[in-house]
Protein backbone atom coordinates (compact mmCIF):
# COMPACT_ATOMS: atom_id res chain seq x y z
CA UNK A 1 -27.35 15.05 95.74
CA UNK A 2 -26.78 11.41 96.67
CA UNK A 3 -23.07 12.15 97.22
CA UNK A 4 -23.90 15.20 99.33
CA UNK A 5 -26.33 13.19 101.48
CA UNK A 6 -23.74 10.45 101.98
CA UNK A 7 -20.88 12.85 102.76
CA UNK A 8 -22.89 14.72 105.39
CA UNK A 9 -24.59 11.57 106.74
CA UNK A 10 -28.03 13.07 106.20
CA UNK A 11 -30.84 11.25 104.37
CA UNK A 12 -32.76 14.50 103.75
CA UNK A 13 -31.25 16.99 101.29
CA UNK A 14 -32.58 19.84 99.17
CA UNK A 15 -31.62 22.24 96.42
CA UNK A 16 -33.27 25.51 95.36
CA UNK A 17 -32.59 27.14 91.97
CA UNK A 18 -34.79 30.22 92.64
CA UNK A 19 -37.63 28.63 90.64
CA UNK A 20 -38.05 25.19 92.24
CA UNK A 21 -37.33 23.62 95.61
CA UNK A 22 -36.33 19.97 95.21
CA UNK A 23 -36.28 17.83 98.35
CA UNK A 24 -34.90 14.29 98.37
CA UNK A 25 -35.29 11.84 101.22
CA UNK A 26 -33.28 8.65 101.01
CA UNK A 27 -35.02 5.81 102.85
CA UNK A 28 -31.69 4.35 103.90
CA UNK A 29 -31.09 2.14 106.93
CA UNK A 30 -27.62 3.68 107.31
CA UNK A 31 -25.35 6.36 105.86
CA UNK A 32 -23.68 3.82 103.59
CA UNK A 33 -26.99 2.63 102.11
CA UNK A 34 -27.54 6.13 100.68
CA UNK A 35 -24.90 5.27 98.04
CA UNK A 36 -26.86 2.23 96.85
CA UNK A 37 -28.58 3.08 93.56
CA UNK A 38 -31.47 0.84 94.64
CA UNK A 39 -32.11 2.90 97.79
CA UNK A 40 -35.69 4.18 97.67
CA UNK A 41 -35.91 7.97 97.34
CA UNK A 42 -38.87 10.23 98.11
CA UNK A 43 -38.83 13.31 95.87
CA UNK A 44 -40.80 16.51 96.34
CA UNK A 45 -40.63 19.36 93.81
CA UNK A 46 -42.24 22.64 94.77
CA UNK A 47 -42.48 25.41 92.17
CA UNK A 48 -42.14 29.01 93.19
CA UNK A 49 -45.26 31.02 92.42
CA UNK A 50 -48.69 29.64 91.62
CA UNK A 51 -49.49 26.43 93.52
CA UNK A 52 -52.16 23.85 92.95
CA UNK A 53 -54.56 23.06 95.82
CA UNK A 54 -52.62 19.87 96.61
CA UNK A 55 -49.24 21.63 96.78
CA UNK A 56 -47.74 23.07 99.95
CA UNK A 57 -45.69 26.24 100.08
CA UNK A 58 -41.89 26.32 100.04
CA UNK A 59 -42.00 27.70 103.59
CA UNK A 60 -44.05 24.75 104.83
CA UNK A 61 -41.85 22.24 102.97
CA UNK A 62 -38.72 23.67 104.60
CA UNK A 63 -40.44 23.59 108.00
CA UNK A 64 -41.29 19.89 107.51
CA UNK A 65 -37.75 19.16 106.30
CA UNK A 66 -36.31 20.81 109.43
CA UNK A 67 -38.83 19.01 111.65
CA UNK A 68 -37.99 15.62 110.11
CA UNK A 69 -34.28 16.31 110.57
CA UNK A 70 -34.73 17.32 114.21
CA UNK A 71 -36.84 14.23 114.92
CA UNK A 72 -34.19 12.00 113.33
CA UNK A 73 -31.31 13.67 115.13
CA UNK A 74 -32.99 13.73 118.53
CA UNK A 75 -33.67 10.02 118.10
CA UNK A 76 -30.42 8.83 116.58
CA UNK A 77 -27.64 11.27 117.47
CA UNK A 78 -26.98 9.58 120.80
CA UNK A 79 -26.30 6.29 119.03
CA UNK A 80 -23.68 7.69 116.64
CA UNK A 81 -20.05 6.95 117.41
CA UNK A 82 -18.23 9.77 119.12
CA UNK A 83 -21.43 11.38 120.36
CA UNK A 84 -21.24 12.93 123.81
CA UNK A 85 -24.91 12.18 124.28
CA UNK A 86 -25.85 9.23 126.42
CA UNK A 87 -27.54 6.41 124.53
CA UNK A 88 -30.96 5.68 125.97
CA UNK A 89 -31.98 2.02 125.85
CA UNK A 90 -35.74 1.75 126.03
CA UNK A 91 -38.16 -1.10 126.51
CA UNK A 92 -41.78 -0.32 127.32
CA UNK A 93 -43.91 -3.18 128.67
CA UNK A 94 -40.90 -5.40 127.95
CA UNK A 95 -40.89 -4.54 124.23
CA UNK A 96 -37.59 -3.03 123.04
CA UNK A 97 -37.54 0.11 120.94
CA UNK A 98 -35.14 0.90 118.09
CA UNK A 99 -35.26 3.58 115.38
CA UNK A 100 -35.67 3.77 111.66
CA UNK A 101 -32.41 5.55 110.71
CA UNK A 102 -33.65 7.78 107.89
CA UNK A 103 -36.73 9.12 109.70
CA UNK A 104 -36.07 8.75 113.42
CA UNK A 105 -39.43 7.01 113.85
CA UNK A 106 -39.50 4.52 116.72
CA UNK A 107 -39.79 0.85 115.83
CA UNK A 108 -40.89 -1.78 118.34
CA UNK A 109 -39.43 -5.28 118.18
CA UNK A 110 -42.63 -7.21 118.85
CA UNK A 111 -40.95 -10.55 118.12
CA UNK A 112 -37.31 -11.36 117.35
CA UNK A 113 -36.57 -9.67 114.01
CA UNK A 114 -40.17 -8.37 113.59
CA UNK A 115 -40.79 -4.64 113.98
CA UNK A 116 -43.78 -2.33 113.88
CA UNK A 117 -44.19 1.45 114.15
CA UNK A 118 -46.82 1.74 116.87
CA UNK A 119 -46.40 0.30 120.35
CA UNK A 120 -48.80 -2.66 120.68
CA UNK A 121 -50.24 -1.23 123.92
CA UNK A 122 -50.82 2.24 122.47
CA UNK A 123 -48.00 4.20 124.14
CA UNK A 124 -47.07 7.35 122.19
CA UNK A 125 -44.02 9.57 122.16
CA UNK A 126 -44.51 13.04 123.65
CA UNK A 127 -42.10 15.94 124.11
CA UNK A 128 -41.49 16.78 127.77
CA UNK A 129 -39.77 19.95 129.08
CA UNK A 130 -37.80 19.66 132.31
CA UNK A 131 -36.00 22.84 133.34
CA UNK A 132 -33.90 23.88 130.36
CA UNK A 133 -33.94 20.37 128.90
CA UNK A 134 -36.29 18.68 126.49
CA UNK A 135 -36.86 14.94 126.25
CA UNK A 136 -39.07 12.56 124.31
CA UNK A 137 -40.98 10.33 126.72
CA UNK A 138 -43.65 7.62 126.42
CA UNK A 139 -47.21 8.17 127.62
CA UNK A 140 -50.81 7.51 126.61
CA UNK A 141 -53.40 10.03 125.44
CA UNK A 142 -54.51 10.64 129.06
CA UNK A 143 -51.02 11.56 130.31
CA UNK A 144 -50.40 8.20 132.00
CA UNK A 145 -46.90 6.74 131.92
CA UNK A 146 -45.82 3.11 131.54
CA UNK A 147 -45.28 1.50 134.94
CA UNK A 148 -46.43 4.75 136.59
CA UNK A 149 -43.23 6.73 135.91
CA UNK A 150 -41.48 8.68 133.18
CA UNK A 151 -39.86 6.54 130.49
CA UNK A 152 -37.33 8.70 128.66
CA UNK A 153 -36.95 7.84 124.98
CA UNK A 154 -34.04 10.23 124.34
CA UNK A 155 -31.43 12.19 126.19
CA UNK A 156 -31.73 15.97 126.35
CA UNK A 157 -32.64 17.08 122.80
CA UNK A 158 -31.96 20.74 123.54
CA UNK A 159 -28.24 20.45 124.28
C-alpha cells in the first residue's frame, strides 16, 4: 500500500477484502516521504458486520476518507507542478499560511520556522459559494472578514 500511495501521490489509501476495510494515512510532508519506512502511518481497520460502540461504519469511514482527500486536494492541488490552478498566496493579519501536505490543514508561520494550526487571532476557514465556484475563505464565527474583505484561501475548488 505504501508503493501505491507513493505512485499515485496520495497519502490516504484503502483496501477492502469484503470482510474488512483497511485505511492507511501516511503523515508525509511530501510524496517522496511516503517511501520512508519511518513515516508515521495512521491505520484504521473496520470489520464488516457487528460493530462495537466506538467503531464507525464502513460508509462513514469512506465518507471521511473522501472528505480528507478533497480538503487536501483543494488546499494543495494549486501548488503542484503542472497544475492549471492558480496558486493562492495568503497572509492574514500579516501571518503567512502554508499547508500540511498529507492533510491539507492550514499552518500559520507565527515566527520564522515556527508553525501552528490555528490562526493566532481566531480566523477560521469557511467554504464560500460564488456563482458556480466554491472557495475556501477566512472569516470569524460572526461572518466578519480580515481587513473587512474576502480573503480567498484557495482557487475555485469546484473546477
